[in-house]
PDB file of N, CA and C in Angstrom:
ATOM      1  N   MET A   1      36.843 100.109  73.524  1.00  0.00           N
ATOM      2  CA  MET A   1      36.245 100.547  72.157  1.00  0.00           C
ATOM      3  C   MET A   1      37.241 101.623  71.637  1.00  0.00           C
ATOM      4  N   GLU A   2      37.364 101.550  70.496  1.00  0.00           N
ATOM      5  CA  GLU A   2      38.100 102.751  69.760  1.00  0.00           C
ATOM      6  C   GLU A   2      37.153 103.890  69.437  1.00  0.00           C
ATOM      7  N   ILE A   3      37.829 105.022  69.454  1.00  0.00           N
ATOM      8  CA  ILE A   3      36.891 106.244  69.056  1.00  0.00           C
ATOM      9  C   ILE A   3      37.692 106.873  67.965  1.00  0.00           C
ATOM     10  N   LYS A   4      36.879 107.024  66.861  1.00  0.00           N
ATOM     11  CA  LYS A   4      37.436 107.645  65.642  1.00  0.00           C
ATOM     12  C   LYS A   4      36.856 109.338  65.673  1.00  0.00           C
ATOM     13  N   GLU A   5      37.612 110.236  65.727  1.00  0.00           N
ATOM     14  CA  GLU A   5      37.132 111.493  65.800  1.00  0.00           C
ATOM     15  C   GLU A   5      37.406 112.172  64.376  1.00  0.00           C
ATOM     16  N   ILE A   6      36.273 112.619  63.911  1.00  0.00           N
ATOM     17  CA  ILE A   6      36.267 113.565  62.569  1.00  0.00           C
ATOM     18  C   ILE A   6      35.864 114.843  62.927  1.00  0.00           C
ATOM     19  N   ASP A   7      36.989 115.718  62.514  1.00  0.00           N
ATOM     20  CA  ASP A   7      37.083 117.226  62.749  1.00  0.00           C
ATOM     21  C   ASP A   7      36.353 117.843  61.410  1.00  0.00           C
ATOM     22  N   MET A   8      35.144 118.346  61.449  1.00  0.00           N
ATOM     23  CA  MET A   8      34.475 119.050  60.363  1.00  0.00           C
ATOM     24  C   MET A   8      34.171 120.542  60.522  1.00  0.00           C
ATOM     25  N   ARG A   9      34.793 121.030  61.573  1.00  0.00           N
ATOM     26  CA  ARG A   9      34.708 122.379  61.649  1.00  0.00           C
ATOM     27  C   ARG A   9      34.922 123.220  60.407  1.00  0.00           C
ATOM     28  N   GLY A  10      34.189 124.094  60.073  1.00  0.00           N
ATOM     29  CA  GLY A  10      34.318 124.927  58.958  1.00  0.00           C
ATOM     30  C   GLY A  10      33.718 124.661  57.723  1.00  0.00           C
ATOM     31  N   GLN A  11      33.038 123.305  57.832  1.00  0.00           N
ATOM     32  CA  GLN A  11      32.350 122.901  56.657  1.00  0.00           C
ATOM     33  C   GLN A  11      30.691 123.093  57.085  1.00  0.00           C
ATOM     34  N   ILE A  12      29.951 123.137  55.839  1.00  0.00           N
ATOM     35  CA  ILE A  12      28.527 123.326  56.150  1.00  0.00           C
ATOM     36  C   ILE A  12      27.864 122.162  55.266  1.00  0.00           C
ATOM     37  N   CYS A  13      26.421 121.996  55.729  1.00  0.00           N
ATOM     38  CA  CYS A  13      25.640 121.144  55.131  1.00  0.00           C
ATOM     39  C   CYS A  13      25.518 121.581  53.642  1.00  0.00           C
ATOM     40  N   PRO A  14      25.494 120.673  52.648  1.00  0.00           N
ATOM     41  CA  PRO A  14      25.568 119.038  53.014  1.00  0.00           C
ATOM     42  C   PRO A  14      26.894 118.352  53.115  1.00  0.00           C
ATOM     43  N   SER A  15      27.864 118.966  53.048  1.00  0.00           N
ATOM     44  CA  SER A  15      29.305 118.603  53.192  1.00  0.00           C
ATOM     45  C   SER A  15      29.650 117.771  54.311  1.00  0.00           C
ATOM     46  N   THR A  16      29.078 118.272  55.563  1.00  0.00           N
ATOM     47  CA  THR A  16      29.223 117.639  56.768  1.00  0.00           C
ATOM     48  C   THR A  16      28.449 116.367  56.808  1.00  0.00           C
ATOM     49  N   PHE A  17      27.046 116.453  56.384  1.00  0.00           N
ATOM     50  CA  PHE A  17      26.171 115.339  56.087  1.00  0.00           C
ATOM     51  C   PHE A  17      26.771 114.091  55.298  1.00  0.00           C
ATOM     52  N   ILE A  18      27.338 114.515  54.155  1.00  0.00           N
ATOM     53  CA  ILE A  18      28.049 113.572  53.393  1.00  0.00           C
ATOM     54  C   ILE A  18      29.246 112.835  54.083  1.00  0.00           C
ATOM     55  N   THR A  19      29.858 113.673  54.562  1.00  0.00           N
ATOM     56  CA  THR A  19      31.066 113.235  55.269  1.00  0.00           C
ATOM     57  C   THR A  19      30.741 112.256  56.312  1.00  0.00           C
ATOM     58  N   ALA A  20      29.721 112.459  57.084  1.00  0.00           N
ATOM     59  CA  ALA A  20      29.260 111.700  58.176  1.00  0.00           C
ATOM     60  C   ALA A  20      28.852 110.236  57.601  1.00  0.00           C
ATOM     61  N   LEU A  21      27.937 110.632  56.556  1.00  0.00           N
ATOM     62  CA  LEU A  21      27.111 109.335  56.017  1.00  0.00           C
ATOM     63  C   LEU A  21      28.287 108.328  55.412  1.00  0.00           C
ATOM     64  N   ARG A  22      29.205 108.882  54.929  1.00  0.00           N
ATOM     65  CA  ARG A  22      30.445 108.133  54.386  1.00  0.00           C
ATOM     66  C   ARG A  22      31.075 107.365  55.264  1.00  0.00           C
ATOM     67  N   GLU A  23      31.272 107.999  56.404  1.00  0.00           N
ATOM     68  CA  GLU A  23      32.202 107.433  57.674  1.00  0.00           C
ATOM     69  C   GLU A  23      31.248 106.408  58.394  1.00  0.00           C
ATOM     70  N   ILE A  24      30.091 106.636  58.462  1.00  0.00           N
ATOM     71  CA  ILE A  24      29.057 105.767  59.051  1.00  0.00           C
ATOM     72  C   ILE A  24      29.102 104.215  58.312  1.00  0.00           C
ATOM     73  N   ASN A  25      28.847 104.650  56.839  1.00  0.00           N
ATOM     74  CA  ASN A  25      28.877 103.297  55.975  1.00  0.00           C
ATOM     75  C   ASN A  25      30.112 102.654  55.942  1.00  0.00           C
ATOM     76  N   LEU A  26      31.192 103.281  55.959  1.00  0.00           N
ATOM     77  CA  LEU A  26      32.512 102.707  55.958  1.00  0.00           C
ATOM     78  C   LEU A  26      32.845 101.893  57.238  1.00  0.00           C
ATOM     79  N   ASN A  27      32.236 102.359  58.340  1.00  0.00           N
ATOM     80  CA  ASN A  27      32.583 101.679  59.711  1.00  0.00           C
ATOM     81  C   ASN A  27      31.321 101.001  60.351  1.00  0.00           C
ATOM     82  N   LYS A  28      30.459 100.543  59.418  1.00  0.00           N
ATOM     83  CA  LYS A  28      29.058 100.051  59.946  1.00  0.00           C
ATOM     84  C   LYS A  28      29.309  98.697  60.757  1.00  0.00           C
ATOM     85  N   ASN A  29      30.368  97.899  60.291  1.00  0.00           N
ATOM     86  CA  ASN A  29      30.378  96.516  61.008  1.00  0.00           C
ATOM     87  C   ASN A  29      31.110  96.786  62.436  1.00  0.00           C
ATOM     88  N   GLU A  30      32.224  97.828  62.349  1.00  0.00           N
ATOM     89  CA  GLU A  30      32.818  98.115  63.777  1.00  0.00           C
ATOM     90  C   GLU A  30      31.985  98.702  64.821  1.00  0.00           C
ATOM     91  N   ILE A  31      30.989  99.764  64.451  1.00  0.00           N
ATOM     92  CA  ILE A  31      30.147 100.279  65.091  1.00  0.00           C
ATOM     93  C   ILE A  31      29.110  99.236  65.579  1.00  0.00           C
ATOM     94  N   LYS A  32      28.458  98.487  64.793  1.00  0.00           N
ATOM     95  CA  LYS A  32      27.529  97.548  65.281  1.00  0.00           C
ATOM     96  C   LYS A  32      27.970  96.547  66.193  1.00  0.00           C
ATOM     97  N   SER A  33      29.313  96.170  65.902  1.00  0.00           N
ATOM     98  CA  SER A  33      29.918  95.180  66.869  1.00  0.00           C
ATOM     99  C   SER A  33      30.473  95.865  68.172  1.00  0.00           C
ATOM    100  N   GLU A  34      30.372  97.112  68.391  1.00  0.00           N
ATOM    101  CA  GLU A  34      30.733  97.928  69.529  1.00  0.00           C
ATOM    102  C   GLU A  34      32.166  98.060  69.582  1.00  0.00           C
ATOM    103  N   THR A  35      32.947  97.937  68.697  1.00  0.00           N
ATOM    104  CA  THR A  35      34.344  98.032  68.814  1.00  0.00           C
ATOM    105  C   THR A  35      34.784  99.509  68.366  1.00  0.00           C
ATOM    106  N   LEU A  36      33.849 100.294  67.663  1.00  0.00           N
ATOM    107  CA  LEU A  36      34.146 101.625  67.289  1.00  0.00           C
ATOM    108  C   LEU A  36      33.016 102.644  67.640  1.00  0.00           C
ATOM    109  N   LYS A  37      33.415 103.699  67.982  1.00  0.00           N
ATOM    110  CA  LYS A  37      32.443 104.973  68.087  1.00  0.00           C
ATOM    111  C   LYS A  37      32.861 106.000  67.193  1.00  0.00           C
ATOM    112  N   LEU A  38      31.894 106.577  66.464  1.00  0.00           N
ATOM    113  CA  LEU A  38      32.340 107.649  65.729  1.00  0.00           C
ATOM    114  C   LEU A  38      32.099 109.044  66.485  1.00  0.00           C
ATOM    115  N   VAL A  39      32.973 110.042  66.414  1.00  0.00           N
ATOM    116  CA  VAL A  39      32.612 111.343  66.985  1.00  0.00           C
ATOM    117  C   VAL A  39      32.965 112.331  65.955  1.00  0.00           C
ATOM    118  N   PHE A  40      31.947 113.173  65.721  1.00  0.00           N
ATOM    119  CA  PHE A  40      32.164 114.258  64.628  1.00  0.00           C
ATOM    120  C   PHE A  40      32.181 115.540  65.483  1.00  0.00           C
ATOM    121  N   ILE A  41      33.180 116.457  64.984  1.00  0.00           N
ATOM    122  CA  ILE A  41      33.233 117.704  65.807  1.00  0.00           C
ATOM    123  C   ILE A  41      32.795 118.529  64.600  1.00  0.00           C
ATOM    124  N   THR A  42      31.942 119.491  64.971  1.00  0.00           N
ATOM    125  CA  THR A  42      31.431 120.440  63.922  1.00  0.00           C
ATOM    126  C   THR A  42      31.023 121.803  64.473  1.00  0.00           C
ATOM    127  N   ASP A  43      30.974 122.947  63.832  1.00  0.00           N
ATOM    128  CA  ASP A  43      30.612 124.045  64.224  1.00  0.00           C
ATOM    129  C   ASP A  43      29.171 124.570  63.530  1.00  0.00           C
ATOM    130  N   ASN A  44      28.734 123.551  62.814  1.00  0.00           N
ATOM    131  CA  ASN A  44      27.513 123.681  61.878  1.00  0.00           C
ATOM    132  C   ASN A  44      26.222 123.237  62.813  1.00  0.00           C
ATOM    133  N   ARG A  45      25.447 124.109  63.177  1.00  0.00           N
ATOM    134  CA  ARG A  45      24.278 123.815  63.998  1.00  0.00           C
ATOM    135  C   ARG A  45      23.320 122.684  63.059  1.00  0.00           C
ATOM    136  N   ASP A  46      23.286 122.968  61.945  1.00  0.00           N
ATOM    137  CA  ASP A  46      22.136 122.203  61.150  1.00  0.00           C
ATOM    138  C   ASP A  46      22.784 120.721  61.333  1.00  0.00           C
ATOM    139  N   SER A  47      23.923 120.376  61.323  1.00  0.00           N
ATOM    140  CA  SER A  47      24.396 119.196  61.438  1.00  0.00           C
ATOM    141  C   SER A  47      23.995 118.210  62.534  1.00  0.00           C
ATOM    142  N   THR A  48      23.734 119.103  63.674  1.00  0.00           N
ATOM    143  CA  THR A  48      23.259 118.384  64.854  1.00  0.00           C
ATOM    144  C   THR A  48      21.989 117.890  64.849  1.00  0.00           C
ATOM    145  N   VAL A  49      21.219 118.213  63.717  1.00  0.00           N
ATOM    146  CA  VAL A  49      19.861 117.460  63.587  1.00  0.00           C
ATOM    147  C   VAL A  49      19.887 116.574  62.545  1.00  0.00           C
ATOM    148  N   THR A  50      20.574 116.895  61.444  1.00  0.00           N
ATOM    149  CA  THR A  50      20.617 115.914  60.040  1.00  0.00           C
ATOM    150  C   THR A  50      21.357 114.750  60.375  1.00  0.00           C
ATOM    151  N   ILE A  51      22.539 114.841  60.946  1.00  0.00           N
ATOM    152  CA  ILE A  51      23.442 113.549  61.117  1.00  0.00           C
ATOM    153  C   ILE A  51      22.815 112.676  62.209  1.00  0.00           C
ATOM    154  N   PRO A  52      22.462 113.243  63.428  1.00  0.00           N
ATOM    155  CA  PRO A  52      21.915 112.369  64.398  1.00  0.00           C
ATOM    156  C   PRO A  52      20.430 111.628  63.915  1.00  0.00           C
ATOM    157  N   GLU A  53      19.467 112.517  63.117  1.00  0.00           N
ATOM    158  CA  GLU A  53      18.411 111.856  62.797  1.00  0.00           C
ATOM    159  C   GLU A  53      18.560 110.839  61.739  1.00  0.00           C
ATOM    160  N   THR A  54      19.439 110.910  60.924  1.00  0.00           N
ATOM    161  CA  THR A  54      19.752 109.898  59.637  1.00  0.00           C
ATOM    162  C   THR A  54      20.423 108.566  60.501  1.00  0.00           C
ATOM    163  N   ALA A  55      21.490 108.936  61.530  1.00  0.00           N
ATOM    164  CA  ALA A  55      22.019 107.749  62.108  1.00  0.00           C
ATOM    165  C   ALA A  55      21.012 106.970  62.831  1.00  0.00           C
ATOM    166  N   GLU A  56      19.949 107.658  63.443  1.00  0.00           N
ATOM    167  CA  GLU A  56      19.035 107.046  64.414  1.00  0.00           C
ATOM    168  C   GLU A  56      18.211 106.096  63.274  1.00  0.00           C
ATOM    169  N   ASN A  57      17.822 106.751  62.240  1.00  0.00           N
ATOM    170  CA  ASN A  57      16.907 106.046  61.106  1.00  0.00           C
ATOM    171  C   ASN A  57      17.594 104.892  60.719  1.00  0.00           C
ATOM    172  N   MET A  58      18.876 104.715  60.924  1.00  0.00           N
ATOM    173  CA  MET A  58      19.760 103.626  60.329  1.00  0.00           C
ATOM    174  C   MET A  58      19.945 102.591  61.445  1.00  0.00           C
ATOM    175  N   GLY A  59      19.594 102.857  62.502  1.00  0.00           N
ATOM    176  CA  GLY A  59      19.597 102.073  63.696  1.00  0.00           C
ATOM    177  C   GLY A  59      20.575 102.082  64.696  1.00  0.00           C
ATOM    178  N   TYR A  60      21.419 103.293  64.604  1.00  0.00           N
ATOM    179  CA  TYR A  60      22.433 103.636  65.478  1.00  0.00           C
ATOM    180  C   TYR A  60      22.031 104.520  66.659  1.00  0.00           C
ATOM    181  N   GLY A  61      22.653 104.518  67.877  1.00  0.00           N
ATOM    182  CA  GLY A  61      22.644 105.404  68.812  1.00  0.00           C
ATOM    183  C   GLY A  61      23.175 106.660  68.632  1.00  0.00           C
ATOM    184  N   THR A  62      22.970 107.732  69.090  1.00  0.00           N
ATOM    185  CA  THR A  62      23.389 109.182  68.885  1.00  0.00           C
ATOM    186  C   THR A  62      23.549 109.908  70.188  1.00  0.00           C
ATOM    187  N   THR A  63      24.337 110.754  70.367  1.00  0.00           N
ATOM    188  CA  THR A  63      24.292 111.955  71.278  1.00  0.00           C
ATOM    189  C   THR A  63      24.820 113.202  70.749  1.00  0.00           C
ATOM    190  N   VAL A  64      24.247 114.176  71.223  1.00  0.00           N
ATOM    191  CA  VAL A  64      24.805 115.407  70.555  1.00  0.00           C
ATOM    192  C   VAL A  64      25.206 116.463  71.920  1.00  0.00           C
ATOM    193  N   THR A  65      26.413 116.905  71.965  1.00  0.00           N
ATOM    194  CA  THR A  65      26.880 117.699  73.008  1.00  0.00           C
ATOM    195  C   THR A  65      27.200 119.076  72.634  1.00  0.00           C
ATOM    196  N   LYS A  66      26.903 120.137  73.290  1.00  0.00           N
ATOM    197  CA  LYS A  66      27.290 121.435  72.811  1.00  0.00           C
ATOM    198  C   LYS A  66      28.712 121.670  73.775  1.00  0.00           C
ATOM    199  N   GLU A  67      29.769 121.982  72.899  1.00  0.00           N
ATOM    200  CA  GLU A  67      30.802 122.217  73.654  1.00  0.00           C
ATOM    201  C   GLU A  67      31.120 123.792  73.668  1.00  0.00           C
ATOM    202  N   GLU A  68      32.437 124.192  73.958  1.00  0.00           N
ATOM    203  CA  GLU A  68      32.642 125.742  73.896  1.00  0.00           C
ATOM    204  C   GLU A  68      32.468 126.439  72.571  1.00  0.00           C
ATOM    205  N   HIS A  69      33.066 125.976  71.556  1.00  0.00           N
ATOM    206  CA  HIS A  69      32.869 126.571  70.323  1.00  0.00           C
ATOM    207  C   HIS A  69      32.408 125.566  69.267  1.00  0.00           C
ATOM    208  N   HIS A  70      31.848 124.507  69.595  1.00  0.00           N
ATOM    209  CA  HIS A  70      31.589 123.481  68.594  1.00  0.00           C
ATOM    210  C   HIS A  70      30.461 122.499  69.419  1.00  0.00           C
ATOM    211  N   TYR A  71      30.164 121.589  68.329  1.00  0.00           N
ATOM    212  CA  TYR A  71      29.023 120.614  68.746  1.00  0.00           C
ATOM    213  C   TYR A  71      29.930 119.298  68.661  1.00  0.00           C
ATOM    214  N   ARG A  72      29.561 118.130  69.698  1.00  0.00           N
ATOM    215  CA  ARG A  72      30.217 116.821  69.410  1.00  0.00           C
ATOM    216  C   ARG A  72      29.027 115.832  69.212  1.00  0.00           C
ATOM    217  N   ILE A  73      29.185 115.280  68.046  1.00  0.00           N
ATOM    218  CA  ILE A  73      28.102 114.289  67.669  1.00  0.00           C
ATOM    219  C   ILE A  73      28.754 112.914  67.718  1.00  0.00           C
ATOM    220  N   GLU A  74      28.079 112.027  68.431  1.00  0.00           N
ATOM    221  CA  GLU A  74      28.650 110.669  68.844  1.00  0.00           C
ATOM    222  C   GLU A  74      27.574 109.558  68.059  1.00  0.00           C
ATOM    223  N   ILE A  75      28.068 108.755  67.415  1.00  0.00           N
ATOM    224  CA  ILE A  75      27.289 107.596  66.482  1.00  0.00           C
ATOM    225  C   ILE A  75      28.022 106.357  67.168  1.00  0.00           C
ATOM    226  N   PHE A  76      27.069 105.456  67.642  1.00  0.00           N
ATOM    227  CA  PHE A  76      27.568 104.350  68.283  1.00  0.00           C
ATOM    228  C   PHE A  76      26.395 103.162  68.210  1.00  0.00           C
ATOM    229  N   ALA A  77      26.718 102.076  68.655  1.00  0.00           N
ATOM    230  CA  ALA A  77      25.815 100.898  68.407  1.00  0.00           C
ATOM    231  C   ALA A  77      24.519 101.190  69.261  1.00  0.00           C
ATOM    232  N   ALA A  78      23.433 100.943  68.836  1.00  0.00           N
ATOM    233  CA  ALA A  78      22.167 101.128  69.615  1.00  0.00           C
ATOM    234  C   ALA A  78      21.905 100.040  70.428  1.00  0.00           C
ATOM    235  N   ARG A  79      21.522 100.250  71.791  1.00  0.00           N
ATOM    236  CA  ARG A  79      21.170  99.319  72.595  1.00  0.00           C
ATOM    237  C   ARG A  79      19.903  98.551  72.275  1.00  0.00           C
ATOM    238  N   GLN A  80      19.849  97.231  72.269  1.00  0.00           N
ATOM    239  CA  GLN A  80      18.721  96.555  71.800  1.00  0.00           C
ATOM    240  C   GLN A  80      17.799  96.208  72.952  1.00  0.00           C
TER     241      GLN A  80
END
């Protein structure tokens, strides 16, 4: 599986949300076919709620991990 990492550190909502939504929509076929996982790196805490909630409402699986100076948001195919 390919991992596409998008570094959004320094951006705030709604910029992070719009960037994530665009990437999810551009890569939806690859995500759903489990050939791609999107990883967003952000230092904006609000993004750890808005991005996963929206992705889950769109039918994707998500994880959020707090790392040393940022958050890691993963978007992947949901298990049926």
